Amino acid sequence: MEVMLTQLMELAPELASTLRDDVRQGRLPAERKKGVAGRPYVVKTEDLVGLNRAEYRELASLAENLPAPTRVRRHRSSLSAPLALTPRPEMMEWASMLESQHLMLKDLVGVLTQEMRGRYDRIERQELKMQELSYKLGQAHQEIARLERMIAERNLRSRIEEA
């Protein structure tokens, strides 16, 4: 009989850590149950008895007496599958409208993206131009300072010669 590891741990909490360790180390074969939240491990009671531990044999006998787990079925739609999957005309109109709106939005996003790229390119060109102008302005200030020094030297020389 197959029993979930969590059920065994609920039956004997004092054995929970040893059960987990035995599963992790491969001494107790266990499979992960698919389709269940958390994918819990499933252990066969025969494997528990086969480990030759008295605690595990007692646990296996307790697990044999457990009631079978009941599954709660979810309510399904009252529509049959073929009827639910057939498209209705108003749904088709709505779908085509949504598709056309999607295409319009996609085009709009494309245009806005191109416009933003153009703006960024213009801003980068302006930044480069500003850097060039700033460099030229700095050179012009240096040239003005050099010319002012030359004029001051000439004025000083002419005064010295006059004196």
Protein backbone atom coordinates (compact mmCIF):
# COMPACT_ATOMS: atom_id res chain seq x y z
CA MET A 1 0.00 0.00 0.00
CA GLU A 2 1.23 3.49 -0.83
CA VAL A 3 1.26 6.12 1.91
CA MET A 4 2.34 9.74 1.73
CA LEU A 5 5.38 10.61 3.79
CA THR A 6 3.50 13.48 5.45
CA GLN A 7 0.85 11.02 6.67
CA LEU A 8 3.57 8.84 8.21
CA MET A 9 5.06 11.88 9.90
CA GLU A 10 1.66 12.77 11.33
CA LEU A 11 1.26 9.25 12.68
CA ALA A 12 4.70 9.24 14.32
CA PRO A 13 6.16 12.75 14.68
CA GLU A 14 9.09 11.37 16.68
CA LEU A 15 10.20 9.39 13.59
CA ALA A 16 9.81 12.31 11.16
CA SER A 17 13.48 13.27 11.03
CA THR A 18 14.70 9.67 10.67
CA LEU A 19 12.15 9.02 7.91
CA ARG A 20 13.28 12.15 6.06
CA ASP A 21 16.94 11.19 6.45
CA ASP A 22 16.32 7.65 5.22
CA VAL A 23 14.50 8.98 2.15
CA ARG A 24 17.25 11.51 1.39
CA GLN A 25 20.01 8.94 1.78
CA GLY A 26 18.17 6.41 -0.38
CA ARG A 27 17.64 3.75 2.27
CA LEU A 28 13.87 4.15 2.01
CA PRO A 29 12.68 4.28 -1.61
CA ALA A 30 10.13 7.02 -2.18
CA GLU A 31 8.60 8.60 -5.26
CA ARG A 32 7.44 12.18 -5.64
CA LYS A 33 3.74 12.27 -6.34
CA LYS A 34 2.92 14.36 -9.36
CA GLY A 35 -0.09 16.62 -9.64
CA VAL A 36 -0.19 17.42 -5.93
CA ALA A 37 0.83 20.74 -4.44
CA GLY A 38 4.34 20.47 -3.06
CA ARG A 39 4.79 17.12 -4.85
CA PRO A 40 4.96 15.04 -1.66
CA TYR A 41 6.80 11.76 -1.39
CA VAL A 42 4.91 8.45 -1.55
CA VAL A 43 6.32 5.45 0.36
CA LYS A 44 5.20 1.81 0.10
CA THR A 45 4.45 0.08 3.39
CA GLU A 46 6.29 -3.02 2.10
CA ASP A 47 9.47 -0.94 1.88
CA LEU A 48 8.97 0.21 5.48
CA VAL A 49 8.70 -3.40 6.67
CA GLY A 50 11.72 -4.35 4.54
CA LEU A 51 14.04 -2.02 6.49
CA ASN A 52 13.91 -4.40 9.51
CA ARG A 53 13.33 -1.69 12.09
CA ALA A 54 10.68 -2.33 14.72
CA GLU A 55 9.48 1.29 14.67
CA TYR A 56 8.99 1.22 10.92
CA ARG A 57 7.06 -2.10 11.09
CA GLU A 58 4.69 -0.61 13.67
CA LEU A 59 4.34 2.49 11.52
CA ALA A 60 3.54 0.33 8.47
CA SER A 61 0.83 -1.54 10.38
CA LEU A 62 -0.68 1.79 11.52
CA ALA A 63 -0.53 3.11 7.94
CA GLU A 64 -2.40 0.02 6.66
CA ASN A 65 -5.33 0.99 8.89
CA LEU A 66 -5.49 4.57 7.56
CA PRO A 67 -8.57 5.40 5.53
CA ALA A 68 -7.95 5.99 1.85
CA PRO A 69 -7.53 9.68 1.08
CA THR A 70 -10.60 11.21 -0.44
CA ARG A 71 -10.29 13.75 -3.19
CA VAL A 72 -12.64 16.65 -3.47
CA ARG A 73 -13.70 17.16 -7.05
CA ARG A 74 -14.19 20.64 -8.27
CA HIS A 75 -17.42 21.54 -9.96
CA ARG A 76 -17.10 21.74 -13.67
CA SER A 77 -18.98 24.07 -15.90
CA SER A 78 -22.40 22.88 -16.98
CA LEU A 79 -21.41 23.42 -20.61
CA SER A 80 -20.13 20.42 -22.48
CA ALA A 81 -16.64 20.66 -23.90
CA PRO A 82 -17.55 21.00 -27.60
CA LEU A 83 -20.19 23.63 -26.85
CA ALA A 84 -17.85 25.59 -24.61
CA LEU A 85 -15.12 25.60 -27.26
CA THR A 86 -17.27 26.74 -30.18
CA PRO A 87 -16.86 30.44 -30.83
CA ARG A 88 -19.98 32.56 -30.88
CA PRO A 89 -20.39 35.37 -33.44
CA GLU A 90 -20.36 38.14 -30.83
CA MET A 91 -17.19 36.67 -29.32
CA MET A 92 -15.58 36.61 -32.77
CA GLU A 93 -16.45 40.28 -33.27
CA TRP A 94 -15.02 41.10 -29.87
CA ALA A 95 -11.87 39.09 -30.59
CA SER A 96 -11.34 40.82 -33.94
CA MET A 97 -11.85 44.20 -32.27
CA LEU A 98 -9.29 43.33 -29.59
CA GLU A 99 -6.88 42.13 -32.27
CA SER A 100 -7.21 45.37 -34.24
CA GLN A 101 -6.71 47.41 -31.06
CA HIS A 102 -3.66 45.34 -30.26
CA LEU A 103 -2.20 46.04 -33.72
CA MET A 104 -2.94 49.77 -33.37
CA LEU A 105 -1.24 49.86 -29.98
CA LYS A 106 1.72 47.93 -31.38
CA ASP A 107 2.06 50.48 -34.21
CA LEU A 108 1.72 53.36 -31.75
CA VAL A 109 4.43 51.92 -29.50
CA GLY A 110 6.67 51.47 -32.55
CA VAL A 111 6.17 55.09 -33.62
CA LEU A 112 6.78 56.37 -30.09
CA THR A 113 9.91 54.26 -29.83
CA GLN A 114 11.26 55.71 -33.08
CA GLU A 115 10.42 59.23 -31.92
CA MET A 116 12.22 58.67 -28.60
CA ARG A 117 15.28 57.30 -30.44
CA GLY A 118 15.25 60.40 -32.66
CA ARG A 119 15.07 62.65 -29.61
CA TYR A 120 17.90 60.82 -27.87
CA ASP A 121 20.02 61.09 -31.03
CA ARG A 122 19.35 64.83 -31.25
CA ILE A 123 20.18 65.28 -27.56
CA GLU A 124 23.44 63.36 -27.99
CA ARG A 125 24.40 65.49 -31.01
CA GLN A 126 23.59 68.65 -29.03
CA GLU A 127 25.70 67.41 -26.11
CA LEU A 128 28.66 66.82 -28.44
CA LYS A 129 28.19 70.23 -30.00
CA MET A 130 28.03 71.83 -26.53
CA GLN A 131 31.25 70.06 -25.54
CA GLU A 132 32.96 71.32 -28.70
CA LEU A 133 31.70 74.86 -28.09
CA SER A 134 32.76 74.70 -24.46
CA TYR A 135 36.23 73.59 -25.54
CA LYS A 136 36.41 76.39 -28.12
CA LEU A 137 35.20 78.90 -25.52
CA GLY A 138 37.94 77.78 -23.15
CA GLN A 139 40.51 78.20 -25.93
CA ALA A 140 39.12 81.66 -26.73
CA HIS A 141 39.41 82.68 -23.05
CA GLN A 142 43.01 81.50 -23.03
CA GLU A 143 43.72 83.46 -26.22
CA ILE A 144 42.07 86.57 -24.76
CA ALA A 145 44.16 86.24 -21.60
CA ARG A 146 47.34 85.85 -23.73
CA LEU A 147 46.43 88.92 -25.78
CA GLU A 148 45.68 90.96 -22.63
CA ARG A 149 49.10 90.00 -21.23
CA MET A 150 50.76 91.03 -24.49
CA ILE A 151 48.94 94.39 -24.45
CA ALA A 152 49.88 94.91 -20.81
CA GLU A 153 53.53 94.14 -21.59
CA ARG A 154 53.53 96.61 -24.53
CA ASN A 155 51.94 99.30 -22.38
CA LEU A 156 54.50 98.62 -19.70
CA ARG A 157 57.39 98.78 -22.23
CA SER A 158 56.10 102.01 -23.75
CA ARG A 159 55.87 103.59 -20.27
CA ILE A 160 59.36 102.37 -19.42
CA GLU A 161 60.71 103.83 -22.67
CA GLU A 162 58.96 107.14 -21.98
CA ALA A 163 60.38 107.28 -18.55
